[in-house]
Amino acid sequence: MAVLRYNLLMLAVGGLTMAAIASRDGANAQSGQALVFAEHACLEYGVTPGTRTFEGCVANAAKAFDRGEPDLAYAEARVARAAREACKSTDKTPNAIDGSGCADGLTKQ
């Protein structure tokens, strides 16, 4: 009887752990509306589509929009634009499609 009780307890603890992990992973997904707003914000600030910088800008801005923080979302777009502007003074191509652009290294992904 004690072994059965122990097994049921371990099963319950394992189930709760899996439920907690699944709910945490679901919190990272962005809504469609947040992604649209994020793409618009990044485009509005001149971030080049099809680059890692743009993808990072959209992902970070969408998370902010989903949390109800539009000011932070637009700040993400401004940071991506600032990184692109900083690259103009170097010999590297800003936002290079192959990932070698210097703006890709200046913004968090």
C-alpha atoms as a PDB file:
ATOM      1  CA  MET A   1       0.000   0.000   0.000  1.00  0.00           C
ATOM      2  CA  ALA A   2       2.868   2.399   0.787  1.00  0.00           C
ATOM      3  CA  VAL A   3       4.440   1.736  -2.614  1.00  0.00           C
ATOM      4  CA  LEU A   4       1.162   2.529  -4.379  1.00  0.00           C
ATOM      5  CA  ARG A   5       0.826   5.775  -2.422  1.00  0.00           C
ATOM      6  CA  TYR A   6       4.435   6.712  -3.290  1.00  0.00           C
ATOM      7  CA  ASN A   7       3.883   5.971  -6.996  1.00  0.00           C
ATOM      8  CA  LEU A   8       0.709   8.058  -7.084  1.00  0.00           C
ATOM      9  CA  LEU A   9       2.498  10.918  -5.356  1.00  0.00           C
ATOM     10  CA  MET A  10       5.378  10.799  -7.872  1.00  0.00           C
ATOM     11  CA  LEU A  11       2.905  10.676 -10.752  1.00  0.00           C
ATOM     12  CA  ALA A  12       1.115  13.756  -9.405  1.00  0.00           C
ATOM     13  CA  VAL A  13       4.373  15.671  -8.888  1.00  0.00           C
ATOM     14  CA  GLY A  14       5.535  14.757 -12.395  1.00  0.00           C
ATOM     15  CA  GLY A  15       2.225  15.895 -13.892  1.00  0.00           C
ATOM     16  CA  LEU A  16       2.368  19.223 -12.079  1.00  0.00           C
ATOM     17  CA  THR A  17       5.937  19.765 -13.242  1.00  0.00           C
ATOM     18  CA  MET A  18       5.002  19.060 -16.863  1.00  0.00           C
ATOM     19  CA  ALA A  19       2.013  21.397 -16.623  1.00  0.00           C
ATOM     20  CA  ALA A  20       4.203  24.184 -15.250  1.00  0.00           C
ATOM     21  CA  ILE A  21       6.762  23.748 -18.033  1.00  0.00           C
ATOM     22  CA  ALA A  22       4.066  23.688 -20.740  1.00  0.00           C
ATOM     23  CA  SER A  23       2.420  26.855 -19.446  1.00  0.00           C
ATOM     24  CA  ARG A  24       5.768  28.653 -19.317  1.00  0.00           C
ATOM     25  CA  ASP A  25       6.570  27.701 -22.921  1.00  0.00           C
ATOM     26  CA  GLY A  26       3.156  28.905 -24.082  1.00  0.00           C
ATOM     27  CA  ALA A  27       3.809  32.313 -22.560  1.00  0.00           C
ATOM     28  CA  ASN A  28       6.608  32.911 -25.079  1.00  0.00           C
ATOM     29  CA  ALA A  29       4.318  32.675 -28.115  1.00  0.00           C
ATOM     30  CA  GLN A  30       3.198  35.971 -29.617  1.00  0.00           C
ATOM     31  CA  SER A  31      -0.320  36.665 -30.796  1.00  0.00           C
ATOM     32  CA  GLY A  32      -0.922  37.388 -34.463  1.00  0.00           C
ATOM     33  CA  GLN A  33      -2.013  40.934 -33.706  1.00  0.00           C
ATOM     34  CA  ALA A  34       1.169  41.597 -31.703  1.00  0.00           C
ATOM     35  CA  LEU A  35       3.302  40.304 -34.582  1.00  0.00           C
ATOM     36  CA  VAL A  36       1.525  42.611 -37.054  1.00  0.00           C
ATOM     37  CA  PHE A  37       2.024  45.616 -34.776  1.00  0.00           C
ATOM     38  CA  ALA A  38       5.668  44.630 -34.212  1.00  0.00           C
ATOM     39  CA  GLU A  39       6.405  44.297 -37.931  1.00  0.00           C
ATOM     40  CA  HIS A  40       4.798  47.679 -38.528  1.00  0.00           C
ATOM     41  CA  ALA A  41       6.879  49.280 -35.763  1.00  0.00           C
ATOM     42  CA  CYS A  42      10.145  47.813 -37.068  1.00  0.00           C
ATOM     43  CA  LEU A  43       9.350  48.830 -40.646  1.00  0.00           C
ATOM     44  CA  GLU A  44       8.330  52.298 -39.482  1.00  0.00           C
ATOM     45  CA  TYR A  45      11.764  52.739 -37.895  1.00  0.00           C
ATOM     46  CA  GLY A  46      13.557  51.618 -41.062  1.00  0.00           C
ATOM     47  CA  VAL A  47      14.711  48.153 -40.054  1.00  0.00           C
ATOM     48  CA  THR A  48      15.355  46.111 -43.208  1.00  0.00           C
ATOM     49  CA  PRO A  49      13.013  43.108 -43.625  1.00  0.00           C
ATOM     50  CA  GLY A  50      14.597  39.709 -44.165  1.00  0.00           C
ATOM     51  CA  THR A  51      17.502  40.311 -41.789  1.00  0.00           C
ATOM     52  CA  ARG A  52      18.320  38.885 -38.380  1.00  0.00           C
ATOM     53  CA  THR A  53      18.029  42.385 -36.970  1.00  0.00           C
ATOM     54  CA  PHE A  54      14.485  42.658 -38.329  1.00  0.00           C
ATOM     55  CA  GLU A  55      13.525  39.229 -36.996  1.00  0.00           C
ATOM     56  CA  GLY A  56      14.911  40.111 -33.562  1.00  0.00           C
ATOM     57  CA  CYS A  57      13.177  43.480 -33.642  1.00  0.00           C
ATOM     58  CA  VAL A  58       9.836  41.857 -34.480  1.00  0.00           C
ATOM     59  CA  ALA A  59      10.201  39.125 -31.853  1.00  0.00           C
ATOM     60  CA  ASN A  60      11.128  41.533 -29.054  1.00  0.00           C
ATOM     61  CA  ALA A  61       8.529  44.131 -30.028  1.00  0.00           C
ATOM     62  CA  ALA A  62       5.801  41.471 -30.287  1.00  0.00           C
ATOM     63  CA  LYS A  63       6.574  40.248 -26.780  1.00  0.00           C
ATOM     64  CA  ALA A  64       6.258  43.818 -25.524  1.00  0.00           C
ATOM     65  CA  PHE A  65       2.954  44.348 -27.374  1.00  0.00           C
ATOM     66  CA  ASP A  66       1.594  41.103 -25.897  1.00  0.00           C
ATOM     67  CA  ARG A  67       2.506  42.326 -22.415  1.00  0.00           C
ATOM     68  CA  GLY A  68       0.676  45.595 -23.066  1.00  0.00           C
ATOM     69  CA  GLU A  69       3.867  47.671 -23.247  1.00  0.00           C
ATOM     70  CA  PRO A  70       3.741  49.501 -26.603  1.00  0.00           C
ATOM     71  CA  ASP A  71       6.355  52.052 -25.489  1.00  0.00           C
ATOM     72  CA  LEU A  72       8.833  49.231 -24.923  1.00  0.00           C
ATOM     73  CA  ALA A  73       7.914  47.728 -28.309  1.00  0.00           C
ATOM     74  CA  TYR A  74       8.734  50.974 -30.094  1.00  0.00           C
ATOM     75  CA  ALA A  75      11.920  51.268 -28.037  1.00  0.00           C
ATOM     76  CA  GLU A  76      12.993  47.877 -29.453  1.00  0.00           C
ATOM     77  CA  ALA A  77      12.454  49.250 -32.962  1.00  0.00           C
ATOM     78  CA  ARG A  78      14.469  52.376 -32.132  1.00  0.00           C
ATOM     79  CA  VAL A  79      17.345  50.246 -30.823  1.00  0.00           C
ATOM     80  CA  ALA A  80      17.396  48.245 -34.061  1.00  0.00           C
ATOM     81  CA  ARG A  81      17.409  51.475 -36.080  1.00  0.00           C
ATOM     82  CA  ALA A  82      20.220  52.907 -33.937  1.00  0.00           C
ATOM     83  CA  ALA A  83      22.270  49.760 -34.506  1.00  0.00           C
ATOM     84  CA  ARG A  84      21.786  50.146 -38.258  1.00  0.00           C
ATOM     85  CA  GLU A  85      22.816  53.808 -38.113  1.00  0.00           C
ATOM     86  CA  ALA A  86      25.940  52.917 -36.127  1.00  0.00           C
ATOM     87  CA  CYS A  87      26.917  50.452 -38.853  1.00  0.00           C
ATOM     88  CA  LYS A  88      26.908  53.134 -41.519  1.00  0.00           C
ATOM     89  CA  SER A  89      30.227  54.411 -40.165  1.00  0.00           C
ATOM     90  CA  THR A  90      31.920  50.992 -40.521  1.00  0.00           C
ATOM     91  CA  ASP A  91      33.074  49.012 -43.512  1.00  0.00           C
ATOM     92  CA  LYS A  92      30.500  46.246 -42.940  1.00  0.00           C
ATOM     93  CA  THR A  93      27.168  46.189 -44.705  1.00  0.00           C
ATOM     94  CA  PRO A  94      24.302  47.015 -42.317  1.00  0.00           C
ATOM     95  CA  ASN A  95      21.733  44.222 -42.039  1.00  0.00           C
ATOM     96  CA  ALA A  96      23.433  41.868 -44.492  1.00  0.00           C
ATOM     97  CA  ILE A  97      21.164  38.989 -45.475  1.00  0.00           C
ATOM     98  CA  ASP A  98      23.906  36.405 -44.843  1.00  0.00           C
ATOM     99  CA  GLY A  99      24.105  37.440 -41.180  1.00  0.00           C
ATOM    100  CA  SER A 100      27.446  39.222 -41.478  1.00  0.00           C
ATOM    101  CA  GLY A 101      25.930  42.660 -40.974  1.00  0.00           C
ATOM    102  CA  CYS A 102      27.218  44.627 -38.050  1.00  0.00           C
ATOM    103  CA  ALA A 103      23.728  45.618 -36.847  1.00  0.00           C
ATOM    104  CA  ASP A 104      23.054  41.956 -36.139  1.00  0.00           C
ATOM    105  CA  GLY A 105      25.760  41.999 -33.512  1.00  0.00           C
ATOM    106  CA  LEU A 106      24.565  45.194 -31.839  1.00  0.00           C
ATOM    107  CA  THR A 107      21.021  44.119 -31.023  1.00  0.00           C
ATOM    108  CA  LYS A 108      20.031  41.334 -28.658  1.00  0.00           C
ATOM    109  CA  GLN A 109      18.334  38.345 -30.245  1.00  0.00           C
END
